[in-house]
Amino acid sequence: MKVAVIPDAAMIIVGLVTRYGHEYLSSTNFSRDKSGEDKVSEKGNFDESLPPFTMTGYDALKANKYTGNETPSGFRGRLSLYDDILNNSEAAIILGKPPKNYNHMYDTLNEMILFGCVSCNNQQQLLVKLLKDKQIPILEVAYPQSCDQLINMINRIKIFLENLEKYRGKQHLFNEDDLTVDLKPNTERIEIEEFKKIVNKT
C-alpha cells in the first residue's frame, strides 16, 4: 500500500514502511535508497531534476483546490508538493510534535534525520486534516522522549504496517497516545459538568 509519512522524510518511519513491503509517498521523491546516493553536483548544488526544482507554474496552483488564493504563497507552495500524496495515499503514519521542554535524545541533525522536520506548522495541520478526511487507515504516535518510548513507537508502527491490508479502503484512526489536534498528548481534561458550565456561559 502507498503510505504517507508526516512529517515527510522521518527516516525512522520511512525505513519501516519500505521494510514491511509498502510504498513510501514523498513530496520530493526522496526514498531510503536515494538517501545513500550522491545527488550533489560538483558545484555543490542540489539535484535539480527532483521537486521542488521541477515545479512549474501550474504545479504551484495545485494547492488552490485545498485553500483560497489569499493564502500566503509559501503555504500554498508547500501544500502543492503534497498534492500527489493527498491523491494517492492509501494509509498514513503521523508522528506527533515534541513537547516544549523536551530533553533531546540525539543531537539536532540526527533528530531531524530520524523524526523529520515540520517546516510549516499551518501547512502540516491542514495536511493532517485533509488526510483524516480520506477513507484511509491512519496511525498517530506521540513523539518519543526516551529509548523505551522509541522502541514502543517502532513496535506499534510495525504492527500497523503488518496488518494494513485488512484496513484497506476503510477510515480508521489509531490514536492510542490520545493526541490532540495539535498532535501533542492530551494532558488536561475537564469534567463534563465543568464543560457544560463553560458552554452555558457563552
N, C-alpha and C. Protein backbone atom coordinates (compact mmCIF):
# COMPACT_ATOMS: atom_id res chain seq x y z
N MET A 1 0.83 -1.20 0.00
CA MET A 1 0.00 0.00 0.00
C MET A 1 0.87 1.25 0.00
N LYS A 2 0.31 2.35 -0.47
CA LYS A 2 1.02 3.62 -0.52
C LYS A 2 0.78 4.37 0.79
N VAL A 3 1.89 4.65 1.50
CA VAL A 3 1.79 5.21 2.84
C VAL A 3 2.40 6.60 2.90
N ALA A 4 1.63 7.56 3.40
CA ALA A 4 2.14 8.91 3.65
C ALA A 4 2.74 8.95 5.04
N VAL A 5 3.86 9.65 5.18
CA VAL A 5 4.50 9.81 6.48
C VAL A 5 4.56 11.30 6.79
N ILE A 6 4.05 11.68 7.95
CA ILE A 6 4.06 13.08 8.38
C ILE A 6 4.77 13.16 9.72
N PRO A 7 5.84 13.94 9.89
CA PRO A 7 6.48 14.80 8.89
C PRO A 7 7.16 13.98 7.78
N ASP A 8 7.21 14.58 6.61
CA ASP A 8 7.82 13.95 5.46
C ASP A 8 9.30 13.69 5.75
N ALA A 9 9.80 12.56 5.32
CA ALA A 9 11.21 12.18 5.45
C ALA A 9 11.65 11.90 6.88
N ALA A 10 10.71 11.44 7.73
CA ALA A 10 11.10 10.95 9.05
C ALA A 10 11.67 9.55 8.82
N MET A 11 12.99 9.47 8.69
CA MET A 11 13.62 8.26 8.18
C MET A 11 13.42 7.03 9.05
N ILE A 12 13.20 7.20 10.34
CA ILE A 12 12.97 6.04 11.19
C ILE A 12 11.65 5.36 10.82
N ILE A 13 10.68 6.15 10.36
CA ILE A 13 9.39 5.61 9.94
C ILE A 13 9.46 5.15 8.48
N VAL A 14 10.13 5.92 7.63
CA VAL A 14 10.26 5.57 6.22
C VAL A 14 10.91 4.20 6.06
N GLY A 15 11.95 3.95 6.87
CA GLY A 15 12.64 2.66 6.81
C GLY A 15 11.71 1.51 7.13
N LEU A 16 10.81 1.71 8.10
CA LEU A 16 9.86 0.66 8.47
C LEU A 16 8.83 0.44 7.38
N VAL A 17 8.37 1.53 6.75
CA VAL A 17 7.37 1.42 5.67
C VAL A 17 7.90 0.55 4.54
N THR A 18 9.12 0.82 4.11
CA THR A 18 9.70 0.06 3.00
C THR A 18 10.07 -1.36 3.42
N ARG A 19 10.50 -1.52 4.65
CA ARG A 19 10.90 -2.85 5.14
C ARG A 19 9.72 -3.81 5.15
N TYR A 20 8.52 -3.32 5.43
CA TYR A 20 7.36 -4.19 5.50
C TYR A 20 6.57 -4.21 4.20
N GLY A 21 7.23 -3.86 3.10
CA GLY A 21 6.67 -4.08 1.78
C GLY A 21 5.68 -3.06 1.27
N HIS A 22 5.67 -1.87 1.89
CA HIS A 22 4.76 -0.82 1.43
C HIS A 22 5.55 0.26 0.69
N GLU A 23 4.84 1.12 -0.01
CA GLU A 23 5.48 2.20 -0.77
C GLU A 23 5.36 3.52 -0.01
N TYR A 24 6.49 4.13 0.22
CA TYR A 24 6.53 5.43 0.91
C TYR A 24 6.28 6.54 -0.09
N LEU A 25 5.27 7.36 0.17
CA LEU A 25 4.98 8.51 -0.70
C LEU A 25 5.72 9.73 -0.18
N SER A 26 6.50 10.36 -1.05
CA SER A 26 7.29 11.52 -0.64
C SER A 26 6.97 12.72 -1.51
N SER A 27 6.98 13.89 -0.91
CA SER A 27 6.73 15.11 -1.67
C SER A 27 7.89 15.45 -2.59
N THR A 28 9.06 14.89 -2.32
CA THR A 28 10.24 15.21 -3.12
C THR A 28 10.84 13.99 -3.81
N ASN A 29 10.07 12.89 -3.90
CA ASN A 29 10.55 11.64 -4.47
C ASN A 29 11.79 11.11 -3.74
N PHE A 30 11.91 11.48 -2.47
CA PHE A 30 13.02 11.00 -1.66
C PHE A 30 12.69 9.62 -1.15
N SER A 31 13.68 8.76 -1.05
CA SER A 31 13.45 7.41 -0.55
C SER A 31 14.65 6.96 0.27
N ARG A 32 14.48 5.84 0.94
CA ARG A 32 15.58 5.29 1.74
C ARG A 32 16.76 4.94 0.84
N ASP A 33 16.46 4.40 -0.38
CA ASP A 33 17.53 4.04 -1.31
C ASP A 33 18.29 5.28 -1.78
N LYS A 34 17.54 6.35 -2.06
CA LYS A 34 18.19 7.56 -2.57
C LYS A 34 19.02 8.27 -1.51
N SER A 35 18.73 7.99 -0.23
CA SER A 35 19.48 8.66 0.84
C SER A 35 20.95 8.28 0.82
N GLY A 36 21.27 7.12 0.22
CA GLY A 36 22.66 6.68 0.16
C GLY A 36 23.36 7.09 -1.12
N GLU A 37 22.60 7.66 -2.07
CA GLU A 37 23.19 8.06 -3.35
C GLU A 37 23.75 9.47 -3.27
N ASP A 38 24.77 9.72 -4.08
CA ASP A 38 25.36 11.06 -4.13
C ASP A 38 24.59 11.88 -5.15
N LYS A 39 23.73 12.75 -4.67
CA LYS A 39 22.88 13.55 -5.56
C LYS A 39 23.35 14.99 -5.67
N VAL A 40 24.52 15.30 -5.15
CA VAL A 40 25.02 16.66 -5.19
C VAL A 40 26.02 16.80 -6.32
N SER A 41 25.88 17.84 -7.12
CA SER A 41 26.78 18.03 -8.26
C SER A 41 28.13 18.58 -7.81
N GLU A 42 29.05 18.69 -8.76
CA GLU A 42 30.38 19.21 -8.44
C GLU A 42 30.32 20.64 -7.94
N LYS A 43 29.31 21.39 -8.36
CA LYS A 43 29.18 22.78 -7.94
C LYS A 43 28.57 22.89 -6.54
N GLY A 44 28.15 21.76 -5.98
CA GLY A 44 27.57 21.79 -4.64
C GLY A 44 26.08 22.08 -4.63
N ASN A 45 25.46 22.10 -5.82
CA ASN A 45 24.02 22.35 -5.89
C ASN A 45 23.24 21.06 -5.67
N PHE A 46 21.97 21.19 -5.31
CA PHE A 46 21.13 20.02 -5.15
C PHE A 46 20.71 19.50 -6.52
N ASP A 47 20.25 18.25 -6.56
CA ASP A 47 19.79 17.64 -7.79
C ASP A 47 18.53 18.36 -8.27
N GLU A 48 18.66 19.10 -9.35
CA GLU A 48 17.55 19.91 -9.84
C GLU A 48 16.58 19.15 -10.72
N SER A 49 16.74 17.83 -10.82
CA SER A 49 15.80 17.01 -11.58
C SER A 49 14.68 16.50 -10.68
N LEU A 50 14.68 16.89 -9.40
CA LEU A 50 13.66 16.47 -8.45
C LEU A 50 12.87 17.67 -7.96
N PRO A 51 11.62 17.43 -7.49
CA PRO A 51 10.88 18.54 -6.88
C PRO A 51 11.64 19.03 -5.65
N PRO A 52 11.53 20.30 -5.26
CA PRO A 52 10.64 21.32 -5.83
C PRO A 52 11.20 22.03 -7.05
N PHE A 53 12.43 21.68 -7.49
CA PHE A 53 13.05 22.36 -8.62
C PHE A 53 12.28 22.15 -9.93
N THR A 54 11.57 21.04 -10.04
CA THR A 54 10.86 20.73 -11.28
C THR A 54 9.44 21.29 -11.31
N MET A 55 9.05 22.00 -10.28
CA MET A 55 7.69 22.54 -10.24
C MET A 55 7.52 23.65 -11.27
N THR A 56 6.43 23.58 -12.03
CA THR A 56 6.09 24.62 -12.99
C THR A 56 5.05 25.54 -12.36
N GLY A 57 4.65 26.55 -13.08
CA GLY A 57 3.63 27.46 -12.58
C GLY A 57 2.32 26.75 -12.29
N TYR A 58 1.98 25.77 -13.16
CA TYR A 58 0.74 25.01 -12.95
C TYR A 58 0.83 24.19 -11.67
N ASP A 59 2.00 23.58 -11.40
CA ASP A 59 2.17 22.76 -10.20
C ASP A 59 1.94 23.59 -8.93
N ALA A 60 2.35 24.84 -8.97
CA ALA A 60 2.20 25.70 -7.79
C ALA A 60 0.74 26.06 -7.54
N LEU A 61 -0.13 25.85 -8.53
CA LEU A 61 -1.55 26.16 -8.37
C LEU A 61 -2.35 24.99 -7.83
N LYS A 62 -1.73 23.82 -7.69
CA LYS A 62 -2.45 22.62 -7.24
C LYS A 62 -3.08 22.81 -5.87
N ALA A 63 -2.43 23.61 -5.02
CA ALA A 63 -2.94 23.79 -3.66
C ALA A 63 -4.21 24.63 -3.63
N ASN A 64 -4.55 25.29 -4.75
CA ASN A 64 -5.75 26.14 -4.77
C ASN A 64 -7.03 25.34 -4.55
N LYS A 65 -6.98 24.03 -4.78
CA LYS A 65 -8.18 23.24 -4.53
C LYS A 65 -8.36 22.95 -3.04
N TYR A 66 -7.31 23.20 -2.24
CA TYR A 66 -7.38 22.99 -0.80
C TYR A 66 -7.51 24.30 -0.02
N THR A 67 -7.03 25.39 -0.62
CA THR A 67 -7.04 26.69 0.06
C THR A 67 -7.50 27.77 -0.91
N GLY A 68 -7.67 28.96 -0.41
CA GLY A 68 -8.05 30.09 -1.26
C GLY A 68 -6.82 30.80 -1.82
N ASN A 69 -7.05 31.68 -2.80
CA ASN A 69 -5.95 32.43 -3.40
C ASN A 69 -5.30 33.40 -2.44
N GLU A 70 -6.03 33.80 -1.40
CA GLU A 70 -5.47 34.77 -0.45
C GLU A 70 -4.48 34.12 0.52
N THR A 71 -4.39 32.79 0.50
CA THR A 71 -3.44 32.09 1.36
C THR A 71 -2.02 32.45 0.94
N PRO A 72 -1.09 32.67 1.87
CA PRO A 72 0.29 33.03 1.51
C PRO A 72 0.91 32.03 0.53
N SER A 73 1.69 32.55 -0.40
CA SER A 73 2.25 31.72 -1.47
C SER A 73 3.15 30.61 -0.93
N GLY A 74 3.90 30.88 0.14
CA GLY A 74 4.77 29.85 0.71
C GLY A 74 3.96 28.67 1.23
N PHE A 75 2.84 28.97 1.85
CA PHE A 75 1.93 27.93 2.36
C PHE A 75 1.40 27.10 1.20
N ARG A 76 0.91 27.79 0.17
CA ARG A 76 0.35 27.08 -0.99
C ARG A 76 1.42 26.28 -1.72
N GLY A 77 2.63 26.85 -1.81
CA GLY A 77 3.72 26.14 -2.48
C GLY A 77 4.06 24.83 -1.79
N ARG A 78 4.14 24.88 -0.46
CA ARG A 78 4.43 23.65 0.29
C ARG A 78 3.30 22.63 0.13
N LEU A 79 2.06 23.12 0.19
CA LEU A 79 0.92 22.21 0.06
C LEU A 79 0.85 21.61 -1.34
N SER A 80 1.28 22.36 -2.35
CA SER A 80 1.30 21.84 -3.72
C SER A 80 2.21 20.62 -3.84
N LEU A 81 3.30 20.63 -3.08
CA LEU A 81 4.22 19.49 -3.10
C LEU A 81 3.55 18.21 -2.61
N TYR A 82 2.53 18.37 -1.76
CA TYR A 82 1.86 17.21 -1.17
C TYR A 82 0.62 16.77 -1.94
N ASP A 83 0.35 17.39 -3.08
CA ASP A 83 -0.86 17.05 -3.83
C ASP A 83 -0.89 15.58 -4.22
N ASP A 84 0.21 15.04 -4.73
CA ASP A 84 0.25 13.62 -5.12
C ASP A 84 0.04 12.72 -3.91
N ILE A 85 0.59 13.11 -2.76
CA ILE A 85 0.42 12.32 -1.54
C ILE A 85 -1.06 12.30 -1.14
N LEU A 86 -1.71 13.46 -1.18
CA LEU A 86 -3.12 13.53 -0.82
C LEU A 86 -4.00 12.72 -1.77
N ASN A 87 -3.62 12.70 -3.04
CA ASN A 87 -4.42 11.97 -4.03
C ASN A 87 -4.19 10.46 -3.98
N ASN A 88 -2.95 10.04 -3.69
CA ASN A 88 -2.58 8.63 -3.84
C ASN A 88 -2.42 7.85 -2.55
N SER A 89 -2.40 8.51 -1.41
CA SER A 89 -2.15 7.78 -0.16
C SER A 89 -3.29 6.82 0.17
N GLU A 90 -2.89 5.61 0.59
CA GLU A 90 -3.85 4.58 1.00
C GLU A 90 -3.80 4.36 2.51
N ALA A 91 -2.81 4.97 3.15
CA ALA A 91 -2.65 4.91 4.60
C ALA A 91 -1.70 6.03 5.00
N ALA A 92 -1.65 6.32 6.29
CA ALA A 92 -0.75 7.39 6.76
C ALA A 92 -0.27 7.10 8.17
N ILE A 93 0.96 7.52 8.43
CA ILE A 93 1.53 7.46 9.78
C ILE A 93 1.90 8.88 10.15
N ILE A 94 1.35 9.36 11.25
CA ILE A 94 1.56 10.75 11.68
C ILE A 94 2.30 10.75 13.01
N LEU A 95 3.45 11.38 13.02
CA LEU A 95 4.25 11.50 14.24
C LEU A 95 3.90 12.81 14.93
N GLY A 96 3.59 12.73 16.22
CA GLY A 96 3.24 13.92 16.98
C GLY A 96 4.40 14.88 17.14
N LYS A 97 4.11 16.05 17.68
CA LYS A 97 5.13 17.08 17.87
C LYS A 97 5.82 16.89 19.22
N PRO A 98 7.11 17.25 19.29
CA PRO A 98 7.79 17.14 20.58
C PRO A 98 7.28 18.20 21.56
N PRO A 99 7.26 17.89 22.86
CA PRO A 99 6.83 18.89 23.84
C PRO A 99 7.81 20.04 23.93
N LYS A 100 7.39 21.16 24.51
CA LYS A 100 8.24 22.36 24.58
C LYS A 100 9.54 22.11 25.33
N ASN A 101 9.47 21.48 26.47
CA ASN A 101 10.65 21.28 27.30
C ASN A 101 11.24 19.89 27.11
N TYR A 102 11.30 19.46 25.87
CA TYR A 102 11.78 18.13 25.54
C TYR A 102 13.30 18.04 25.68
N ASN A 103 13.79 17.02 26.40
CA ASN A 103 15.22 16.76 26.50
C ASN A 103 15.62 15.85 25.35
N HIS A 104 16.38 16.39 24.41
CA HIS A 104 16.73 15.65 23.19
C HIS A 104 17.52 14.38 23.49
N MET A 105 17.12 13.29 22.81
CA MET A 105 17.86 12.03 22.93
C MET A 105 19.11 12.06 22.06
N TYR A 106 19.04 12.82 20.95
CA TYR A 106 20.15 12.88 19.99
C TYR A 106 20.44 14.34 19.69
N ASP A 107 21.51 14.59 18.93
CA ASP A 107 21.79 15.98 18.55
C ASP A 107 20.77 16.41 17.50
N THR A 108 20.72 17.70 17.22
CA THR A 108 19.68 18.27 16.35
C THR A 108 19.65 17.63 14.97
N LEU A 109 20.81 17.44 14.34
CA LEU A 109 20.86 16.88 12.99
C LEU A 109 20.30 15.46 12.97
N ASN A 110 20.71 14.64 13.93
CA ASN A 110 20.22 13.26 13.96
C ASN A 110 18.72 13.20 14.24
N GLU A 111 18.22 14.10 15.08
CA GLU A 111 16.78 14.12 15.34
C GLU A 111 16.00 14.51 14.08
N MET A 112 16.55 15.46 13.31
CA MET A 112 15.88 15.86 12.06
C MET A 112 15.86 14.71 11.07
N ILE A 113 16.95 13.95 11.01
CA ILE A 113 17.00 12.81 10.09
C ILE A 113 16.04 11.71 10.54
N LEU A 114 16.04 11.41 11.83
CA LEU A 114 15.21 10.33 12.35
C LEU A 114 13.72 10.67 12.34
N PHE A 115 13.38 11.88 12.80
CA PHE A 115 11.98 12.22 13.03
C PHE A 115 11.43 13.26 12.07
N GLY A 116 12.24 13.76 11.15
CA GLY A 116 11.76 14.72 10.17
C GLY A 116 11.59 16.11 10.76
N CYS A 117 11.15 17.03 9.92
CA CYS A 117 11.01 18.43 10.31
C CYS A 117 9.65 18.93 9.84
N VAL A 118 8.94 19.64 10.71
CA VAL A 118 7.60 20.13 10.39
C VAL A 118 7.64 21.19 9.29
N SER A 119 8.61 22.06 9.32
CA SER A 119 8.78 23.15 8.35
C SER A 119 7.74 24.25 8.56
N CYS A 120 6.50 23.99 8.21
CA CYS A 120 5.43 24.99 8.36
C CYS A 120 4.29 24.36 9.16
N ASN A 121 4.05 24.85 10.36
CA ASN A 121 3.06 24.26 11.24
C ASN A 121 1.65 24.32 10.65
N ASN A 122 1.28 25.46 10.06
CA ASN A 122 -0.07 25.61 9.50
C ASN A 122 -0.30 24.65 8.34
N GLN A 123 0.72 24.52 7.49
CA GLN A 123 0.60 23.60 6.36
C GLN A 123 0.48 22.16 6.85
N GLN A 124 1.24 21.80 7.88
CA GLN A 124 1.16 20.44 8.41
C GLN A 124 -0.21 20.15 9.01
N GLN A 125 -0.78 21.13 9.73
CA GLN A 125 -2.09 20.92 10.33
C GLN A 125 -3.17 20.71 9.26
N LEU A 126 -3.11 21.50 8.18
CA LEU A 126 -4.09 21.32 7.10
C LEU A 126 -3.87 19.98 6.41
N LEU A 127 -2.61 19.61 6.20
CA LEU A 127 -2.29 18.33 5.57
C LEU A 127 -2.85 17.16 6.37
N VAL A 128 -2.66 17.20 7.68
CA VAL A 128 -3.17 16.14 8.56
C VAL A 128 -4.70 16.10 8.49
N LYS A 129 -5.34 17.27 8.49
CA LYS A 129 -6.81 17.32 8.41
C LYS A 129 -7.31 16.72 7.09
N LEU A 130 -6.64 17.05 5.98
CA LEU A 130 -7.04 16.53 4.67
C LEU A 130 -6.85 15.01 4.60
N LEU A 131 -5.78 14.51 5.22
CA LEU A 131 -5.57 13.06 5.25
C LEU A 131 -6.64 12.37 6.08
N LYS A 132 -7.03 13.00 7.19
CA LYS A 132 -8.06 12.41 8.05
C LYS A 132 -9.43 12.41 7.38
N ASP A 133 -9.63 13.29 6.41
CA ASP A 133 -10.90 13.34 5.68
C ASP A 133 -11.03 12.20 4.67
N LYS A 134 -9.90 11.55 4.36
CA LYS A 134 -9.91 10.46 3.39
C LYS A 134 -10.35 9.16 4.06
N GLN A 135 -10.78 8.21 3.24
CA GLN A 135 -11.17 6.89 3.75
C GLN A 135 -9.94 5.99 3.80
N ILE A 136 -9.02 6.31 4.71
CA ILE A 136 -7.79 5.52 4.84
C ILE A 136 -7.48 5.26 6.31
N PRO A 137 -6.73 4.18 6.58
CA PRO A 137 -6.28 3.95 7.96
C PRO A 137 -5.13 4.89 8.31
N ILE A 138 -5.17 5.44 9.52
CA ILE A 138 -4.14 6.38 9.97
C ILE A 138 -3.67 5.98 11.36
N LEU A 139 -2.36 5.95 11.55
CA LEU A 139 -1.77 5.71 12.86
C LEU A 139 -1.13 7.00 13.35
N GLU A 140 -1.54 7.46 14.53
CA GLU A 140 -0.92 8.62 15.16
C GLU A 140 -0.10 8.14 16.35
N VAL A 141 1.16 8.56 16.41
CA VAL A 141 2.03 8.17 17.52
C VAL A 141 2.66 9.42 18.13
N ALA A 142 2.80 9.40 19.45
CA ALA A 142 3.41 10.53 20.15
C ALA A 142 4.91 10.56 19.88
N TYR A 143 5.47 11.76 19.92
CA TYR A 143 6.91 11.94 19.73
C TYR A 143 7.64 11.24 20.88
N PRO A 144 8.56 10.31 20.60
CA PRO A 144 9.22 9.57 21.68
C PRO A 144 10.18 10.46 22.47
N GLN A 145 10.15 10.33 23.79
CA GLN A 145 11.02 11.13 24.66
C GLN A 145 12.04 10.29 25.40
N SER A 146 12.03 8.98 25.17
CA SER A 146 13.01 8.09 25.80
C SER A 146 13.22 6.89 24.90
N CYS A 147 14.24 6.10 25.19
CA CYS A 147 14.51 4.90 24.39
C CYS A 147 13.35 3.92 24.46
N ASP A 148 12.76 3.77 25.65
CA ASP A 148 11.62 2.86 25.80
C ASP A 148 10.44 3.30 24.95
N GLN A 149 10.16 4.61 24.94
CA GLN A 149 9.06 5.14 24.13
C GLN A 149 9.36 4.96 22.64
N LEU A 150 10.63 5.10 22.27
CA LEU A 150 11.03 4.93 20.87
C LEU A 150 10.82 3.48 20.43
N ILE A 151 11.20 2.54 21.27
CA ILE A 151 11.01 1.11 20.97
C ILE A 151 9.52 0.80 20.87
N ASN A 152 8.72 1.34 21.79
CA ASN A 152 7.28 1.14 21.76
C ASN A 152 6.67 1.71 20.49
N MET A 153 7.13 2.90 20.07
CA MET A 153 6.63 3.52 18.84
C MET A 153 6.95 2.64 17.63
N ILE A 154 8.17 2.13 17.56
CA ILE A 154 8.57 1.27 16.44
C ILE A 154 7.72 0.01 16.40
N ASN A 155 7.47 -0.59 17.56
CA ASN A 155 6.64 -1.81 17.61
C ASN A 155 5.22 -1.54 17.14
N ARG A 156 4.66 -0.40 17.53
CA ARG A 156 3.30 -0.08 17.12
C ARG A 156 3.21 0.20 15.62
N ILE A 157 4.23 0.86 15.07
CA ILE A 157 4.27 1.10 13.63
C ILE A 157 4.39 -0.23 12.89
N LYS A 158 5.23 -1.12 13.40
CA LYS A 158 5.41 -2.45 12.81
C LYS A 158 4.08 -3.21 12.77
N ILE A 159 3.35 -3.24 13.88
CA ILE A 159 2.06 -3.94 13.94
C ILE A 159 1.07 -3.30 12.96
N PHE A 160 1.05 -1.97 12.89
CA PHE A 160 0.16 -1.25 11.97
C PHE A 160 0.45 -1.64 10.53
N LEU A 161 1.73 -1.65 10.16
CA LEU A 161 2.12 -1.96 8.79
C LEU A 161 1.86 -3.42 8.44
N GLU A 162 2.08 -4.32 9.38
CA GLU A 162 1.86 -5.75 9.13
C GLU A 162 0.38 -6.06 8.91
N ASN A 163 -0.50 -5.27 9.53
CA ASN A 163 -1.95 -5.53 9.44
C ASN A 163 -2.68 -4.54 8.54
N LEU A 164 -1.95 -3.81 7.74
CA LEU A 164 -2.54 -2.72 6.96
C LEU A 164 -3.54 -3.19 5.91
N GLU A 165 -3.29 -4.32 5.31
CA GLU A 165 -4.16 -4.81 4.23
C GLU A 165 -5.61 -4.97 4.69
N LYS A 166 -5.83 -5.39 5.93
CA LYS A 166 -7.21 -5.62 6.38
C LYS A 166 -7.99 -4.33 6.58
N TYR A 167 -7.28 -3.19 6.60
CA TYR A 167 -7.95 -1.89 6.75
C TYR A 167 -8.04 -1.12 5.43
N ARG A 168 -7.60 -1.73 4.34
CA ARG A 168 -7.58 -1.05 3.05
C ARG A 168 -8.97 -0.49 2.70
N GLY A 169 -8.99 0.80 2.33
CA GLY A 169 -10.24 1.44 1.92
C GLY A 169 -11.19 1.79 3.04
N LYS A 170 -10.72 1.63 4.30
CA LYS A 170 -11.58 1.95 5.44
C LYS A 170 -10.98 3.12 6.23
N GLN A 171 -11.84 3.99 6.70
CA GLN A 171 -11.39 5.10 7.53
C GLN A 171 -11.23 4.59 8.95
N HIS A 172 -9.98 4.56 9.41
CA HIS A 172 -9.70 4.02 10.73
C HIS A 172 -8.57 4.83 11.35
N LEU A 173 -8.81 5.40 12.53
CA LEU A 173 -7.79 6.21 13.20
C LEU A 173 -7.32 5.49 14.46
N PHE A 174 -6.02 5.19 14.49
CA PHE A 174 -5.40 4.59 15.67
C PHE A 174 -4.67 5.70 16.41
N ASN A 175 -5.15 6.03 17.61
CA ASN A 175 -4.59 7.14 18.37
C ASN A 175 -4.50 6.75 19.85
N GLU A 176 -3.71 5.72 20.12
CA GLU A 176 -3.58 5.21 21.49
C GLU A 176 -2.93 6.23 22.43
N ASP A 177 -2.14 7.15 21.88
CA ASP A 177 -1.46 8.15 22.70
C ASP A 177 -2.35 9.34 23.02
N ASP A 178 -3.59 9.31 22.53
CA ASP A 178 -4.56 10.37 22.80
C ASP A 178 -4.02 11.73 22.39
N LEU A 179 -3.54 11.82 21.14
CA LEU A 179 -3.01 13.09 20.64
C LEU A 179 -4.16 14.03 20.32
N THR A 180 -3.95 15.30 20.59
CA THR A 180 -4.94 16.33 20.29
C THR A 180 -4.79 16.75 18.83
N VAL A 181 -5.58 17.73 18.39
CA VAL A 181 -5.45 18.25 17.03
C VAL A 181 -4.10 18.92 16.82
N ASP A 182 -3.44 19.32 17.92
CA ASP A 182 -2.09 19.91 17.82
C ASP A 182 -1.02 18.83 17.79
N LEU A 183 -1.42 17.56 17.74
CA LEU A 183 -0.51 16.41 17.69
C LEU A 183 0.38 16.32 18.93
N LYS A 184 -0.19 16.70 20.06
CA LYS A 184 0.51 16.56 21.34
C LYS A 184 -0.38 15.74 22.27
N PRO A 185 0.23 14.96 23.18
CA PRO A 185 -0.60 14.16 24.10
C PRO A 185 -1.54 15.03 24.92
N ASN A 186 -2.76 14.57 25.07
CA ASN A 186 -3.77 15.30 25.82
C ASN A 186 -3.49 15.12 27.31
N THR A 187 -3.07 16.19 27.98
CA THR A 187 -2.72 16.09 29.40
C THR A 187 -3.77 16.71 30.30
N GLU A 188 -4.53 17.64 29.79
CA GLU A 188 -5.54 18.31 30.62
C GLU A 188 -6.93 17.87 30.22
N ARG A 189 -7.69 17.46 31.22
CA ARG A 189 -9.07 17.06 30.98
C ARG A 189 -9.97 17.81 31.94
N ILE A 190 -11.16 18.13 31.47
CA ILE A 190 -12.13 18.75 32.38
C ILE A 190 -13.35 17.86 32.46
N GLU A 191 -13.99 17.90 33.60
CA GLU A 191 -15.19 17.11 33.80
C GLU A 191 -16.32 17.62 32.90
N ILE A 192 -17.24 16.73 32.56
CA ILE A 192 -18.34 17.09 31.66
C ILE A 192 -19.21 18.21 32.25
N GLU A 193 -19.40 18.18 33.57
CA GLU A 193 -20.21 19.22 34.20
C GLU A 193 -19.54 20.59 34.07
N GLU A 194 -18.21 20.60 34.22
CA GLU A 194 -17.46 21.86 34.06
C GLU A 194 -17.57 22.36 32.63
N PHE A 195 -17.51 21.43 31.68
CA PHE A 195 -17.64 21.79 30.26
C PHE A 195 -19.01 22.41 29.99
N LYS A 196 -20.06 21.82 30.57
CA LYS A 196 -21.42 22.34 30.38
C LYS A 196 -21.55 23.76 30.92
N LYS A 197 -20.90 24.02 32.07
CA LYS A 197 -20.92 25.37 32.65
C LYS A 197 -20.26 26.36 31.70
N ILE A 198 -19.15 25.97 31.12
CA ILE A 198 -18.41 26.85 30.19
C ILE A 198 -19.28 27.16 28.97
N VAL A 199 -19.93 26.13 28.43
CA VAL A 199 -20.78 26.31 27.24
C VAL A 199 -21.96 27.19 27.56
N ASN A 200 -22.57 27.00 28.72
CA ASN A 200 -23.76 27.77 29.09
C ASN A 200 -23.44 29.24 29.33
N LYS A 201 -22.19 29.55 29.73
CA LYS A 201 -21.80 30.94 29.99
C LYS A 201 -21.62 31.72 28.70
N THR A 202 -21.31 31.03 27.60
CA THR A 202 -21.03 31.74 26.34
C THR A 202 -22.26 31.95 25.50
